[in-house]
Protein backbone atom coordinates (compact mmCIF):
# COMPACT_ATOMS: atom_id res chain seq x y z
CA MET A 1 9.74 -11.91 -18.23
CA TYR A 2 10.24 -8.31 -19.21
CA PRO A 3 13.56 -6.51 -18.69
CA PRO A 4 13.61 -4.48 -15.44
CA GLU A 5 14.56 -1.28 -17.23
CA LEU A 6 11.49 -1.59 -19.46
CA VAL A 7 8.97 -2.00 -16.64
CA ALA A 8 10.57 0.35 -14.09
CA PRO A 9 8.60 3.44 -15.23
CA MET A 10 5.38 1.42 -15.35
CA LYS A 11 5.95 0.20 -11.78
CA GLU A 12 6.89 3.68 -10.58
CA ASP A 13 3.64 5.02 -12.00
CA LEU A 14 1.88 3.23 -9.14
CA THR A 15 4.55 3.09 -6.44
CA THR A 16 4.96 6.87 -6.50
CA ALA A 17 1.19 7.05 -5.87
CA GLY A 18 1.62 4.96 -2.69
CA PHE A 19 1.21 1.41 -3.98
CA GLN A 20 3.20 -1.38 -2.33
CA GLU A 21 4.69 -3.88 -4.75
CA LEU A 22 4.03 -7.53 -4.00
CA HIS A 23 6.87 -9.59 -5.47
CA THR A 24 6.23 -13.07 -4.06
CA ALA A 25 3.35 -15.39 -3.30
CA ASP A 26 4.09 -14.91 0.40
CA ASP A 27 3.79 -11.13 -0.02
CA VAL A 28 0.33 -11.63 -1.53
CA ASP A 29 -0.74 -14.07 1.19
CA ASN A 30 0.44 -11.75 3.95
CA VAL A 31 -1.67 -8.88 2.63
CA LEU A 32 -4.77 -10.73 1.45
CA ASN A 33 -5.09 -13.03 4.45
CA GLU A 34 -5.74 -10.05 6.72
CA LYS A 35 -9.35 -10.17 7.83
CA GLU A 36 -9.84 -6.48 8.59
CA GLY A 37 -9.84 -3.46 6.34
CA SER A 38 -9.82 -2.92 2.61
CA VAL A 39 -7.09 -3.74 0.11
CA LEU A 40 -6.81 -2.73 -3.53
CA VAL A 41 -4.73 -4.98 -5.78
CA VAL A 42 -3.78 -3.72 -9.23
CA VAL A 43 -2.47 -6.24 -11.73
CA ASN A 44 -0.13 -4.00 -13.67
CA SER A 45 0.88 -4.73 -17.25
CA VAL A 46 2.96 -3.43 -20.16
CA CYS A 47 -0.06 -3.20 -22.45
CA GLY A 48 -1.45 0.03 -23.78
CA CYS A 49 -4.70 -0.20 -21.85
CA ALA A 50 -2.72 -0.36 -18.60
CA ALA A 51 -0.84 2.81 -19.54
CA GLY A 52 -3.76 4.68 -21.06
CA ALA A 53 -6.63 3.68 -18.80
CA ALA A 54 -5.92 1.33 -15.89
CA ARG A 55 -3.08 3.11 -14.09
CA PRO A 56 -4.45 6.63 -14.68
CA GLY A 57 -7.95 5.48 -13.69
CA VAL A 58 -6.76 3.82 -10.51
CA LYS A 59 -4.75 6.90 -9.49
CA LEU A 60 -7.68 9.19 -10.28
CA SER A 61 -9.99 7.02 -8.17
CA LEU A 62 -7.88 7.76 -5.10
CA GLN A 63 -8.69 11.47 -5.21
CA GLY A 64 -12.04 10.91 -3.55
CA GLU A 65 -12.81 11.02 0.14
CA LYS A 66 -13.05 7.25 0.58
CA LYS A 67 -10.28 4.93 -0.51
CA PRO A 68 -8.86 1.52 0.40
CA ASP A 69 -6.73 1.09 3.53
CA LYS A 70 -3.94 -0.60 1.55
CA LEU A 71 -2.83 -0.08 -2.02
CA THR A 72 -0.90 -2.95 -3.59
CA THR A 73 0.23 -4.08 -7.01
CA VAL A 74 1.62 -7.13 -8.80
CA PHE A 75 3.14 -6.95 -12.26
CA ALA A 76 2.04 -9.56 -14.79
CA GLY A 77 4.99 -10.99 -16.69
CA VAL A 78 7.45 -9.80 -14.04
CA ASP A 79 6.30 -10.88 -10.58
CA SER A 80 5.01 -14.21 -11.86
CA ASP A 81 4.63 -15.99 -8.51
CA ALA A 82 2.89 -13.02 -6.92
CA THR A 83 0.60 -12.54 -9.91
CA GLU A 84 -0.35 -16.22 -9.97
CA ARG A 85 -1.13 -16.20 -6.24
CA ALA A 86 -3.17 -13.01 -6.52
CA ARG A 87 -5.19 -14.58 -9.33
CA GLN A 88 -6.07 -17.47 -7.01
CA TYR A 89 -7.71 -14.92 -4.71
CA PHE A 90 -9.56 -13.44 -7.69
CA LEU A 91 -11.43 -16.66 -8.51
CA PRO A 92 -13.94 -17.21 -10.08
CA TYR A 93 -12.66 -14.46 -12.38
CA PRO A 94 -10.28 -15.67 -15.08
CA PRO A 95 -6.71 -14.32 -15.35
CA SER A 96 -6.74 -10.78 -16.62
CA SER A 97 -4.14 -8.08 -16.96
CA PRO A 98 -4.51 -5.35 -16.31
CA ALA A 99 -7.12 -5.87 -13.62
CA VAL A 100 -8.17 -4.28 -10.35
CA ALA A 101 -9.46 -6.14 -7.29
CA LEU A 102 -10.93 -4.72 -4.10
CA PHE A 103 -10.98 -6.82 -0.95
CA LYS A 104 -12.92 -6.04 2.23
CA ASP A 105 -12.18 -7.98 5.41
CA GLY A 106 -10.38 -10.66 3.42
CA LYS A 107 -13.14 -11.14 0.81
CA LEU A 108 -13.13 -10.12 -2.86
CA VAL A 109 -15.95 -7.57 -3.21
CA HIS A 110 -15.25 -5.83 -6.54
CA PHE A 111 -13.28 -6.79 -9.64
CA VAL A 112 -12.49 -4.89 -12.83
CA GLU A 113 -11.37 -7.15 -15.66
CA ARG A 114 -9.36 -6.17 -18.72
CA HIS A 115 -12.47 -6.16 -20.92
CA HIS A 116 -13.93 -3.49 -18.58
CA ILE A 117 -10.75 -1.41 -19.04
CA GLU A 118 -10.02 -1.69 -22.77
CA GLY A 119 -11.45 1.16 -24.80
CA ARG A 120 -12.70 3.06 -21.76
CA PRO A 121 -11.39 6.37 -20.50
CA ALA A 122 -9.52 6.58 -17.20
CA GLU A 123 -12.33 8.71 -15.77
CA MET A 124 -14.86 5.90 -16.28
CA ILE A 125 -12.61 3.41 -14.52
CA ALA A 126 -12.07 5.89 -11.69
CA GLU A 127 -15.82 6.40 -11.24
CA ASN A 128 -16.40 2.64 -11.17
CA LEU A 129 -13.78 2.25 -8.45
CA LYS A 130 -15.02 5.26 -6.47
CA MET A 131 -18.49 3.69 -6.29
CA ALA A 132 -16.91 0.51 -4.91
CA TYR A 133 -14.90 2.53 -2.38
CA GLU A 134 -18.09 4.28 -1.22
CA GLU A 135 -19.70 0.93 -0.56
CA TYR A 136 -16.78 -1.02 0.92
CA CYS A 137 -14.16 1.40 2.30
């Protein structure tokens, strides 16, 4: 587990953009068991690709006309129970952080794994997500 003072700015990067933190497995279940609407789940991380591409790309993706109904986040290495539960909803995808999942009416419809984030600019991640929002939101 990372010290709270270390991850606070990384969490705030998303919460100030309107993301709700999910801290427990019950938090995750309560959001992802809803059968109507769209939910974005960002698996946040301390790694460089989260800071340089994932978080900026996710925030940039929200500047379009269409966007998910709910914006949520779990933090790998901090909110362990919530992250583990979220990853159960992401199956068959393997654990990945950072990662971004889009759910529509309770079903996983789009997933961006770490290997799709690493080495890519935030703008590319944003465009990928915007295309998913156009189709599912």
